[in-house]
Amino acid sequence: MKITVHQQKLLLIEKETLSLMKDDLRDSRSYEKPLGFGTNPSSSDYGMAYSIIRSNNRIEQINRILATSEIIENPNTRTIQLGSVADVMVKYSDDVEFYHLELIEQKVGIESSVADSFGDLIYVSQESHLGAALLNKEIGEKFEFNITEDIKAKGQIVSLTFERDGIGKTRLRMKRDK
């Protein structure tokens, strides 16, 4: 599996958050009566235990993803590839939307909720209709993709950001017609 640097950072943040939440749950458990034979733990104790187990399972999953994935950087290319960050204009039937997005292989965690919460970078899988339409496109190039079998959307690459050795991030924008 390939994950981008942004996805790697999100996974590390999610892992740290889960660890802190797990510690808080353990600290909040009532230790007045130790659990043992003949005790009747409250349903909150079971809920707490279930949350800790789920957190442990997700942390193990994150560790496996981080250990086995290839980390890809924003490619130094003028076409959209895995890891590319681009601004895209998409025209639906009567609506135009602008998206600041990164093309990824697949979602591995909290990408969607982070985009919803912070409105910064939207993660688009190369397997999605939009992602497949964007792959290998250049700045200014137009594309089309199916939303459903009957409904198509049209778009255009407005800008592309990539890393250049010794220079840093470079953002190329579409030339505006005069």
N, C-alpha and C. Protein backbone atom coordinates (compact mmCIF):
# COMPACT_ATOMS: atom_id res chain seq x y z
N MET A 1 0.85 -1.17 0.00
CA MET A 1 0.00 0.00 0.00
C MET A 1 0.89 1.23 0.00
N LYS A 2 0.43 2.28 -0.65
CA LYS A 2 1.13 3.56 -0.67
C LYS A 2 0.28 4.57 0.07
N ILE A 3 0.93 5.33 0.96
CA ILE A 3 0.24 6.42 1.65
C ILE A 3 1.08 7.69 1.47
N THR A 4 0.39 8.82 1.49
CA THR A 4 1.09 10.09 1.33
C THR A 4 1.63 10.56 2.68
N VAL A 5 2.51 11.54 2.63
CA VAL A 5 3.06 12.12 3.86
C VAL A 5 1.94 12.68 4.73
N HIS A 6 0.93 13.32 4.10
CA HIS A 6 -0.20 13.86 4.86
C HIS A 6 -0.96 12.74 5.57
N GLN A 7 -1.18 11.62 4.87
CA GLN A 7 -1.88 10.50 5.49
C GLN A 7 -1.07 9.93 6.65
N GLN A 8 0.25 9.86 6.49
CA GLN A 8 1.11 9.38 7.56
C GLN A 8 0.95 10.26 8.81
N LYS A 9 0.96 11.58 8.61
CA LYS A 9 0.79 12.50 9.74
C LYS A 9 -0.56 12.32 10.41
N LEU A 10 -1.62 12.15 9.60
CA LEU A 10 -2.96 11.94 10.16
C LEU A 10 -3.02 10.65 10.97
N LEU A 11 -2.39 9.61 10.48
CA LEU A 11 -2.37 8.34 11.22
C LEU A 11 -1.64 8.48 12.55
N LEU A 12 -0.53 9.21 12.55
CA LEU A 12 0.21 9.42 13.80
C LEU A 12 -0.60 10.26 14.79
N ILE A 13 -1.33 11.24 14.29
CA ILE A 13 -2.20 12.05 15.16
C ILE A 13 -3.33 11.20 15.71
N GLU A 14 -3.94 10.39 14.85
CA GLU A 14 -5.02 9.51 15.29
C GLU A 14 -4.52 8.53 16.35
N LYS A 15 -3.33 7.97 16.14
CA LYS A 15 -2.75 7.02 17.10
C LYS A 15 -2.52 7.69 18.46
N GLU A 16 -1.97 8.89 18.44
CA GLU A 16 -1.72 9.62 19.69
C GLU A 16 -3.03 9.96 20.39
N THR A 17 -4.03 10.39 19.63
CA THR A 17 -5.34 10.72 20.19
C THR A 17 -5.97 9.49 20.84
N LEU A 18 -5.90 8.35 20.17
CA LEU A 18 -6.46 7.12 20.72
C LEU A 18 -5.74 6.71 22.01
N SER A 19 -4.42 6.86 22.03
CA SER A 19 -3.65 6.52 23.23
C SER A 19 -4.04 7.41 24.41
N LEU A 20 -4.20 8.70 24.14
CA LEU A 20 -4.60 9.63 25.21
C LEU A 20 -6.01 9.32 25.71
N MET A 21 -6.92 9.04 24.76
CA MET A 21 -8.29 8.70 25.13
C MET A 21 -8.34 7.43 25.97
N LYS A 22 -7.55 6.45 25.57
CA LYS A 22 -7.47 5.18 26.29
C LYS A 22 -6.97 5.41 27.72
N ASP A 23 -5.94 6.24 27.86
CA ASP A 23 -5.41 6.55 29.19
C ASP A 23 -6.46 7.25 30.05
N ASP A 24 -7.20 8.19 29.44
CA ASP A 24 -8.27 8.89 30.18
C ASP A 24 -9.34 7.92 30.64
N LEU A 25 -9.71 6.98 29.79
CA LEU A 25 -10.72 5.99 30.17
C LEU A 25 -10.25 5.13 31.33
N ARG A 26 -9.01 4.70 31.26
CA ARG A 26 -8.46 3.89 32.36
C ARG A 26 -8.43 4.67 33.67
N ASP A 27 -8.06 5.95 33.58
CA ASP A 27 -7.98 6.77 34.78
C ASP A 27 -9.35 7.07 35.38
N SER A 28 -10.39 7.09 34.54
CA SER A 28 -11.72 7.45 35.04
C SER A 28 -12.48 6.27 35.63
N ARG A 29 -11.98 5.05 35.46
CA ARG A 29 -12.68 3.88 36.00
C ARG A 29 -12.70 3.94 37.52
N SER A 30 -13.81 3.57 38.05
CA SER A 30 -13.95 3.55 39.50
C SER A 30 -13.24 2.32 40.06
N TYR A 31 -12.35 2.55 40.99
CA TYR A 31 -11.61 1.43 41.59
C TYR A 31 -12.06 1.17 43.03
N GLU A 32 -13.26 1.70 43.38
CA GLU A 32 -13.74 1.48 44.74
C GLU A 32 -13.95 0.01 45.01
N LYS A 33 -14.52 -0.68 44.02
CA LYS A 33 -14.73 -2.12 44.17
C LYS A 33 -13.97 -2.81 43.06
N PRO A 34 -12.98 -3.60 43.40
CA PRO A 34 -12.25 -4.30 42.35
C PRO A 34 -13.16 -5.32 41.67
N LEU A 35 -12.97 -5.45 40.36
CA LEU A 35 -13.75 -6.43 39.63
C LEU A 35 -13.22 -7.82 39.95
N GLY A 36 -14.09 -8.71 40.20
CA GLY A 36 -13.69 -10.09 40.49
C GLY A 36 -14.93 -10.94 40.54
N PHE A 37 -14.75 -12.16 40.98
CA PHE A 37 -15.86 -13.08 41.04
C PHE A 37 -16.93 -12.55 42.00
N GLY A 38 -18.16 -12.52 41.52
CA GLY A 38 -19.26 -12.09 42.37
C GLY A 38 -19.54 -10.60 42.33
N THR A 39 -18.71 -9.83 41.67
CA THR A 39 -19.01 -8.40 41.58
C THR A 39 -19.88 -8.16 40.36
N ASN A 40 -20.64 -7.11 40.41
CA ASN A 40 -21.55 -6.77 39.33
C ASN A 40 -21.12 -5.42 38.75
N PRO A 41 -20.24 -5.43 37.76
CA PRO A 41 -19.77 -4.16 37.22
C PRO A 41 -20.90 -3.44 36.49
N SER A 42 -20.84 -2.15 36.50
CA SER A 42 -21.87 -1.35 35.83
C SER A 42 -21.69 -1.44 34.32
N SER A 43 -22.72 -1.07 33.61
CA SER A 43 -22.63 -1.10 32.15
C SER A 43 -21.60 -0.09 31.64
N SER A 44 -21.34 0.95 32.43
CA SER A 44 -20.31 1.91 32.01
C SER A 44 -18.93 1.26 32.02
N ASP A 45 -18.70 0.30 32.94
CA ASP A 45 -17.43 -0.42 32.95
C ASP A 45 -17.27 -1.25 31.68
N TYR A 46 -18.36 -1.88 31.24
CA TYR A 46 -18.31 -2.65 30.00
C TYR A 46 -18.09 -1.73 28.81
N GLY A 47 -18.78 -0.61 28.78
CA GLY A 47 -18.61 0.35 27.69
C GLY A 47 -17.19 0.88 27.63
N MET A 48 -16.63 1.14 28.81
CA MET A 48 -15.26 1.62 28.89
C MET A 48 -14.29 0.55 28.37
N ALA A 49 -14.51 -0.69 28.80
CA ALA A 49 -13.65 -1.78 28.35
C ALA A 49 -13.75 -1.96 26.83
N TYR A 50 -14.96 -1.87 26.31
CA TYR A 50 -15.16 -2.00 24.87
C TYR A 50 -14.43 -0.89 24.12
N SER A 51 -14.50 0.34 24.62
CA SER A 51 -13.81 1.47 23.99
C SER A 51 -12.30 1.27 24.01
N ILE A 52 -11.79 0.74 25.10
CA ILE A 52 -10.35 0.49 25.20
C ILE A 52 -9.92 -0.59 24.20
N ILE A 53 -10.73 -1.63 24.08
CA ILE A 53 -10.42 -2.71 23.13
C ILE A 53 -10.44 -2.17 21.70
N ARG A 54 -11.46 -1.37 21.37
CA ARG A 54 -11.54 -0.78 20.02
C ARG A 54 -10.34 0.12 19.76
N SER A 55 -9.94 0.90 20.75
CA SER A 55 -8.77 1.77 20.59
C SER A 55 -7.51 0.95 20.36
N ASN A 56 -7.34 -0.11 21.15
CA ASN A 56 -6.17 -0.99 20.98
C ASN A 56 -6.14 -1.60 19.58
N ASN A 57 -7.30 -2.06 19.10
CA ASN A 57 -7.37 -2.66 17.77
C ASN A 57 -7.00 -1.65 16.68
N ARG A 58 -7.51 -0.42 16.80
CA ARG A 58 -7.21 0.60 15.80
C ARG A 58 -5.73 1.00 15.85
N ILE A 59 -5.17 1.08 17.06
CA ILE A 59 -3.74 1.41 17.19
C ILE A 59 -2.90 0.32 16.53
N GLU A 60 -3.26 -0.95 16.72
CA GLU A 60 -2.54 -2.05 16.06
C GLU A 60 -2.66 -1.93 14.54
N GLN A 61 -3.86 -1.59 14.06
CA GLN A 61 -4.07 -1.43 12.62
C GLN A 61 -3.21 -0.29 12.08
N ILE A 62 -3.17 0.83 12.79
CA ILE A 62 -2.35 1.96 12.37
C ILE A 62 -0.88 1.56 12.33
N ASN A 63 -0.42 0.86 13.36
CA ASN A 63 0.98 0.41 13.39
C ASN A 63 1.31 -0.48 12.19
N ARG A 64 0.38 -1.38 11.82
CA ARG A 64 0.60 -2.25 10.65
C ARG A 64 0.67 -1.42 9.37
N ILE A 65 -0.24 -0.45 9.23
CA ILE A 65 -0.25 0.40 8.03
C ILE A 65 1.07 1.17 7.93
N LEU A 66 1.50 1.77 9.03
CA LEU A 66 2.73 2.57 9.02
C LEU A 66 3.96 1.70 8.75
N ALA A 67 3.95 0.48 9.27
CA ALA A 67 5.11 -0.41 9.11
C ALA A 67 5.22 -1.00 7.70
N THR A 68 4.09 -1.18 7.05
CA THR A 68 4.11 -1.89 5.76
C THR A 68 3.88 -1.00 4.54
N SER A 69 3.57 0.26 4.74
CA SER A 69 3.24 1.13 3.62
C SER A 69 4.46 1.86 3.08
N GLU A 70 4.41 2.13 1.81
CA GLU A 70 5.41 2.98 1.19
C GLU A 70 4.91 4.42 1.30
N ILE A 71 5.74 5.31 1.84
CA ILE A 71 5.36 6.71 2.02
C ILE A 71 5.75 7.46 0.74
N ILE A 72 4.75 8.10 0.12
CA ILE A 72 5.05 8.84 -1.10
C ILE A 72 4.95 10.34 -0.84
N GLU A 73 5.91 11.05 -1.38
CA GLU A 73 5.96 12.50 -1.25
C GLU A 73 5.15 13.12 -2.38
N ASN A 74 4.88 14.40 -2.26
CA ASN A 74 4.23 15.13 -3.35
C ASN A 74 5.19 15.06 -4.54
N PRO A 75 4.75 14.46 -5.65
CA PRO A 75 5.67 14.24 -6.77
C PRO A 75 6.09 15.54 -7.45
N ASN A 76 7.31 15.52 -7.96
CA ASN A 76 7.86 16.67 -8.68
C ASN A 76 7.49 16.51 -10.15
N THR A 77 6.24 16.78 -10.45
CA THR A 77 5.74 16.57 -11.80
C THR A 77 4.67 17.60 -12.12
N ARG A 78 4.48 17.84 -13.37
CA ARG A 78 3.47 18.82 -13.81
C ARG A 78 2.14 18.14 -14.13
N THR A 79 2.03 16.87 -13.82
CA THR A 79 0.76 16.16 -14.00
C THR A 79 0.33 15.62 -12.64
N ILE A 80 -0.95 15.37 -12.50
CA ILE A 80 -1.46 14.85 -11.24
C ILE A 80 -1.13 13.36 -11.12
N GLN A 81 -0.43 13.03 -10.06
CA GLN A 81 -0.03 11.66 -9.74
C GLN A 81 -0.43 11.37 -8.30
N LEU A 82 -0.22 10.14 -7.84
CA LEU A 82 -0.44 9.84 -6.42
C LEU A 82 0.40 10.79 -5.59
N GLY A 83 -0.22 11.42 -4.60
CA GLY A 83 0.48 12.37 -3.74
C GLY A 83 0.41 13.81 -4.21
N SER A 84 -0.11 14.04 -5.41
CA SER A 84 -0.22 15.41 -5.92
C SER A 84 -1.27 16.19 -5.14
N VAL A 85 -0.98 17.46 -4.91
CA VAL A 85 -1.93 18.37 -4.29
C VAL A 85 -2.35 19.36 -5.36
N ALA A 86 -3.66 19.49 -5.57
CA ALA A 86 -4.15 20.34 -6.66
C ALA A 86 -5.41 21.08 -6.24
N ASP A 87 -5.68 22.18 -6.93
CA ASP A 87 -6.95 22.88 -6.82
C ASP A 87 -7.72 22.55 -8.09
N VAL A 88 -8.94 22.09 -7.90
CA VAL A 88 -9.74 21.61 -9.01
C VAL A 88 -11.09 22.32 -8.99
N MET A 89 -11.53 22.74 -10.17
CA MET A 89 -12.86 23.32 -10.31
C MET A 89 -13.74 22.24 -10.95
N VAL A 90 -14.88 21.95 -10.31
CA VAL A 90 -15.79 20.94 -10.84
C VAL A 90 -17.14 21.60 -11.04
N LYS A 91 -17.69 21.44 -12.25
CA LYS A 91 -19.00 22.00 -12.56
C LYS A 91 -20.02 20.88 -12.59
N TYR A 92 -20.98 20.99 -11.68
CA TYR A 92 -22.11 20.08 -11.67
C TYR A 92 -23.20 20.74 -12.50
N SER A 93 -24.37 20.17 -12.61
CA SER A 93 -25.40 20.72 -13.49
C SER A 93 -25.58 22.23 -13.36
N ASP A 94 -25.85 22.77 -12.18
CA ASP A 94 -26.01 24.23 -12.03
C ASP A 94 -25.06 24.79 -10.98
N ASP A 95 -24.09 24.05 -10.56
CA ASP A 95 -23.26 24.48 -9.44
C ASP A 95 -21.78 24.28 -9.79
N VAL A 96 -20.94 25.20 -9.32
CA VAL A 96 -19.49 25.07 -9.49
C VAL A 96 -18.86 24.98 -8.11
N GLU A 97 -18.02 23.99 -7.91
CA GLU A 97 -17.32 23.80 -6.64
C GLU A 97 -15.81 23.83 -6.89
N PHE A 98 -15.08 24.38 -5.93
CA PHE A 98 -13.62 24.36 -5.97
C PHE A 98 -13.15 23.44 -4.86
N TYR A 99 -12.22 22.56 -5.17
CA TYR A 99 -11.69 21.62 -4.19
C TYR A 99 -10.17 21.75 -4.12
N HIS A 100 -9.66 21.77 -2.91
CA HIS A 100 -8.22 21.68 -2.66
C HIS A 100 -8.01 20.23 -2.25
N LEU A 101 -7.37 19.43 -3.09
CA LEU A 101 -7.35 17.99 -2.85
C LEU A 101 -5.97 17.37 -3.04
N GLU A 102 -5.85 16.17 -2.48
CA GLU A 102 -4.66 15.35 -2.67
C GLU A 102 -5.12 14.02 -3.21
N LEU A 103 -4.44 13.55 -4.26
CA LEU A 103 -4.78 12.25 -4.85
C LEU A 103 -4.05 11.16 -4.06
N ILE A 104 -4.81 10.21 -3.54
CA ILE A 104 -4.25 9.14 -2.72
C ILE A 104 -4.62 7.78 -3.32
N GLU A 105 -3.91 6.75 -2.88
CA GLU A 105 -4.22 5.40 -3.35
C GLU A 105 -5.55 4.93 -2.76
N GLN A 106 -5.67 5.04 -1.43
CA GLN A 106 -6.91 4.68 -0.76
C GLN A 106 -6.95 5.35 0.60
N LYS A 107 -8.14 5.49 1.15
CA LYS A 107 -8.28 6.08 2.47
C LYS A 107 -7.91 5.04 3.52
N VAL A 108 -7.18 5.48 4.54
CA VAL A 108 -6.70 4.55 5.56
C VAL A 108 -7.13 4.94 6.98
N GLY A 109 -7.84 6.04 7.12
CA GLY A 109 -8.17 6.46 8.47
C GLY A 109 -9.16 7.59 8.50
N ILE A 110 -8.72 8.67 9.10
CA ILE A 110 -9.63 9.77 9.41
C ILE A 110 -9.59 10.89 8.38
N GLU A 111 -9.12 10.60 7.15
CA GLU A 111 -9.01 11.66 6.14
C GLU A 111 -10.31 12.42 5.95
N SER A 112 -11.42 11.71 5.83
CA SER A 112 -12.70 12.37 5.56
C SER A 112 -13.13 13.27 6.70
N SER A 113 -12.99 12.79 7.93
CA SER A 113 -13.43 13.60 9.07
C SER A 113 -12.54 14.81 9.27
N VAL A 114 -11.25 14.70 8.94
CA VAL A 114 -10.36 15.85 9.05
C VAL A 114 -10.75 16.90 8.02
N ALA A 115 -11.02 16.47 6.80
CA ALA A 115 -11.43 17.42 5.76
C ALA A 115 -12.74 18.09 6.13
N ASP A 116 -13.68 17.32 6.69
CA ASP A 116 -14.96 17.89 7.10
C ASP A 116 -14.78 18.88 8.23
N SER A 117 -13.90 18.57 9.17
CA SER A 117 -13.71 19.41 10.35
C SER A 117 -12.94 20.69 10.04
N PHE A 118 -11.90 20.56 9.25
CA PHE A 118 -11.02 21.70 9.04
C PHE A 118 -11.16 22.33 7.67
N GLY A 119 -11.82 21.63 6.75
CA GLY A 119 -12.06 22.17 5.43
C GLY A 119 -10.81 22.47 4.64
N ASP A 120 -9.71 21.83 4.98
CA ASP A 120 -8.45 22.14 4.34
C ASP A 120 -8.26 21.28 3.09
N LEU A 121 -7.74 20.12 3.26
CA LEU A 121 -7.37 19.25 2.16
C LEU A 121 -8.36 18.10 2.07
N ILE A 122 -8.90 17.87 0.89
CA ILE A 122 -9.81 16.75 0.68
C ILE A 122 -8.99 15.62 0.05
N TYR A 123 -9.15 14.43 0.57
CA TYR A 123 -8.40 13.28 0.08
C TYR A 123 -9.27 12.52 -0.91
N VAL A 124 -8.78 12.39 -2.15
CA VAL A 124 -9.53 11.72 -3.21
C VAL A 124 -8.77 10.48 -3.63
N SER A 125 -9.42 9.34 -3.53
CA SER A 125 -8.80 8.07 -3.91
C SER A 125 -8.70 7.98 -5.42
N GLN A 126 -7.60 7.40 -5.90
CA GLN A 126 -7.43 7.22 -7.34
C GLN A 126 -8.46 6.24 -7.91
N GLU A 127 -9.09 5.46 -7.03
CA GLU A 127 -10.11 4.50 -7.45
C GLU A 127 -11.48 5.16 -7.66
N SER A 128 -11.68 6.35 -7.10
CA SER A 128 -12.97 7.03 -7.26
C SER A 128 -13.11 7.55 -8.68
N HIS A 129 -14.32 7.90 -9.07
CA HIS A 129 -14.56 8.45 -10.41
C HIS A 129 -13.76 9.73 -10.61
N LEU A 130 -13.79 10.62 -9.61
CA LEU A 130 -13.05 11.87 -9.71
C LEU A 130 -11.55 11.60 -9.75
N GLY A 131 -11.05 10.74 -8.86
CA GLY A 131 -9.62 10.44 -8.82
C GLY A 131 -9.11 9.85 -10.13
N ALA A 132 -9.87 8.92 -10.69
CA ALA A 132 -9.48 8.31 -11.97
C ALA A 132 -9.45 9.36 -13.08
N ALA A 133 -10.40 10.30 -13.04
CA ALA A 133 -10.45 11.36 -14.06
C ALA A 133 -9.28 12.33 -13.92
N LEU A 134 -8.77 12.53 -12.70
CA LEU A 134 -7.69 13.48 -12.46
C LEU A 134 -6.31 12.92 -12.80
N LEU A 135 -6.13 11.63 -12.68
CA LEU A 135 -4.82 11.00 -12.84
C LEU A 135 -4.21 11.36 -14.20
N ASN A 136 -2.97 11.83 -14.16
CA ASN A 136 -2.17 12.20 -15.34
C ASN A 136 -2.64 13.46 -16.06
N LYS A 137 -3.54 14.23 -15.46
CA LYS A 137 -3.98 15.49 -16.07
C LYS A 137 -3.00 16.61 -15.73
N GLU A 138 -2.93 17.61 -16.60
CA GLU A 138 -2.05 18.76 -16.41
C GLU A 138 -2.86 19.99 -16.01
N ILE A 139 -2.17 21.03 -15.60
CA ILE A 139 -2.81 22.29 -15.24
C ILE A 139 -3.56 22.83 -16.45
N GLY A 140 -4.80 23.25 -16.23
CA GLY A 140 -5.61 23.80 -17.30
C GLY A 140 -6.39 22.75 -18.06
N GLU A 141 -6.00 21.48 -17.90
CA GLU A 141 -6.67 20.42 -18.64
C GLU A 141 -8.07 20.18 -18.07
N LYS A 142 -9.00 19.91 -19.00
CA LYS A 142 -10.38 19.65 -18.60
C LYS A 142 -10.59 18.15 -18.50
N PHE A 143 -11.58 17.76 -17.69
CA PHE A 143 -11.88 16.35 -17.51
C PHE A 143 -13.36 16.18 -17.26
N GLU A 144 -13.82 14.94 -17.37
CA GLU A 144 -15.21 14.59 -17.14
C GLU A 144 -15.25 13.32 -16.32
N PHE A 145 -16.23 13.19 -15.45
CA PHE A 145 -16.39 11.94 -14.70
C PHE A 145 -17.86 11.72 -14.38
N ASN A 146 -18.21 10.47 -14.16
CA ASN A 146 -19.58 10.11 -13.83
C ASN A 146 -19.81 10.22 -12.34
N ILE A 147 -20.88 10.90 -11.97
CA ILE A 147 -21.31 10.91 -10.57
C ILE A 147 -22.19 9.68 -10.36
N THR A 148 -23.12 9.48 -11.28
CA THR A 148 -23.92 8.26 -11.35
C THR A 148 -23.89 7.84 -12.81
N GLU A 149 -24.59 6.76 -13.16
CA GLU A 149 -24.62 6.34 -14.56
C GLU A 149 -25.19 7.42 -15.47
N ASP A 150 -26.16 8.17 -14.96
CA ASP A 150 -26.85 9.17 -15.77
C ASP A 150 -26.28 10.58 -15.63
N ILE A 151 -25.57 10.84 -14.58
CA ILE A 151 -25.13 12.22 -14.29
C ILE A 151 -23.62 12.32 -14.41
N LYS A 152 -23.17 13.29 -15.24
CA LYS A 152 -21.75 13.55 -15.41
C LYS A 152 -21.41 14.93 -14.85
N ALA A 153 -20.18 15.06 -14.43
CA ALA A 153 -19.68 16.36 -14.01
C ALA A 153 -18.45 16.67 -14.85
N LYS A 154 -18.18 17.96 -15.04
CA LYS A 154 -17.02 18.40 -15.79
C LYS A 154 -16.14 19.21 -14.88
N GLY A 155 -14.85 19.17 -15.12
CA GLY A 155 -13.94 19.92 -14.27
C GLY A 155 -12.71 20.38 -15.02
N GLN A 156 -11.90 21.15 -14.30
CA GLN A 156 -10.66 21.66 -14.87
C GLN A 156 -9.64 21.80 -13.74
N ILE A 157 -8.39 21.46 -14.03
CA ILE A 157 -7.31 21.61 -13.06
C ILE A 157 -6.93 23.09 -13.02
N VAL A 158 -7.08 23.72 -11.87
CA VAL A 158 -6.82 25.15 -11.72
C VAL A 158 -5.37 25.40 -11.29
N SER A 159 -4.85 24.56 -10.37
CA SER A 159 -3.46 24.72 -9.95
C SER A 159 -2.93 23.39 -9.44
N LEU A 160 -1.61 23.30 -9.38
CA LEU A 160 -0.94 22.08 -8.93
C LEU A 160 0.25 22.50 -8.07
N THR A 161 0.40 21.88 -6.92
CA THR A 161 1.51 22.18 -6.02
C THR A 161 2.43 20.98 -5.97
N PHE A 162 3.74 21.19 -6.11
CA PHE A 162 4.67 20.09 -6.01
C PHE A 162 5.98 20.55 -5.40
N GLU A 163 6.78 19.59 -4.93
CA GLU A 163 8.07 19.88 -4.32
C GLU A 163 9.15 19.92 -5.39
N ARG A 164 10.07 20.87 -5.26
CA ARG A 164 11.22 20.91 -6.16
C ARG A 164 12.48 20.91 -5.32
N ASP A 165 13.40 20.02 -5.67
CA ASP A 165 14.65 19.89 -4.91
C ASP A 165 15.37 21.22 -4.80
N GLY A 166 15.72 21.60 -3.58
CA GLY A 166 16.47 22.81 -3.33
C GLY A 166 15.64 24.08 -3.38
N ILE A 167 14.40 23.99 -3.84
CA ILE A 167 13.57 25.19 -3.96
C ILE A 167 12.42 25.16 -2.98
N GLY A 168 11.84 23.99 -2.76
CA GLY A 168 10.68 23.86 -1.89
C GLY A 168 9.41 23.70 -2.69
N LYS A 169 8.31 24.11 -2.10
CA LYS A 169 7.02 23.95 -2.77
C LYS A 169 6.87 24.96 -3.90
N THR A 170 6.35 24.46 -5.00
CA THR A 170 6.05 25.31 -6.14
C THR A 170 4.59 25.12 -6.48
N ARG A 171 3.91 26.22 -6.72
CA ARG A 171 2.49 26.14 -7.07
C ARG A 171 2.32 26.75 -8.47
N LEU A 172 1.85 25.91 -9.36
CA LEU A 172 1.59 26.37 -10.73
C LEU A 172 0.11 26.62 -10.87
N ARG A 173 -0.24 27.73 -11.47
CA ARG A 173 -1.66 28.06 -11.66
C ARG A 173 -1.97 28.15 -13.13
N MET A 174 -3.23 27.91 -13.44
CA MET A 174 -3.71 28.00 -14.79
C MET A 174 -3.66 29.47 -15.24
N LYS A 175 -3.26 29.70 -16.48
CA LYS A 175 -3.25 31.06 -16.99
C LYS A 175 -4.68 31.51 -17.22
N ARG A 176 -4.94 32.74 -16.85
CA ARG A 176 -6.30 33.28 -17.04
C ARG A 176 -6.39 33.90 -18.42
N ASP A 177 -7.55 33.69 -19.05
CA ASP A 177 -7.79 34.31 -20.36
C ASP A 177 -8.00 35.81 -20.17
N LYS A 178 -7.46 36.60 -21.08
CA LYS A 178 -7.62 38.06 -20.98
C LYS A 178 -8.78 38.53 -21.80
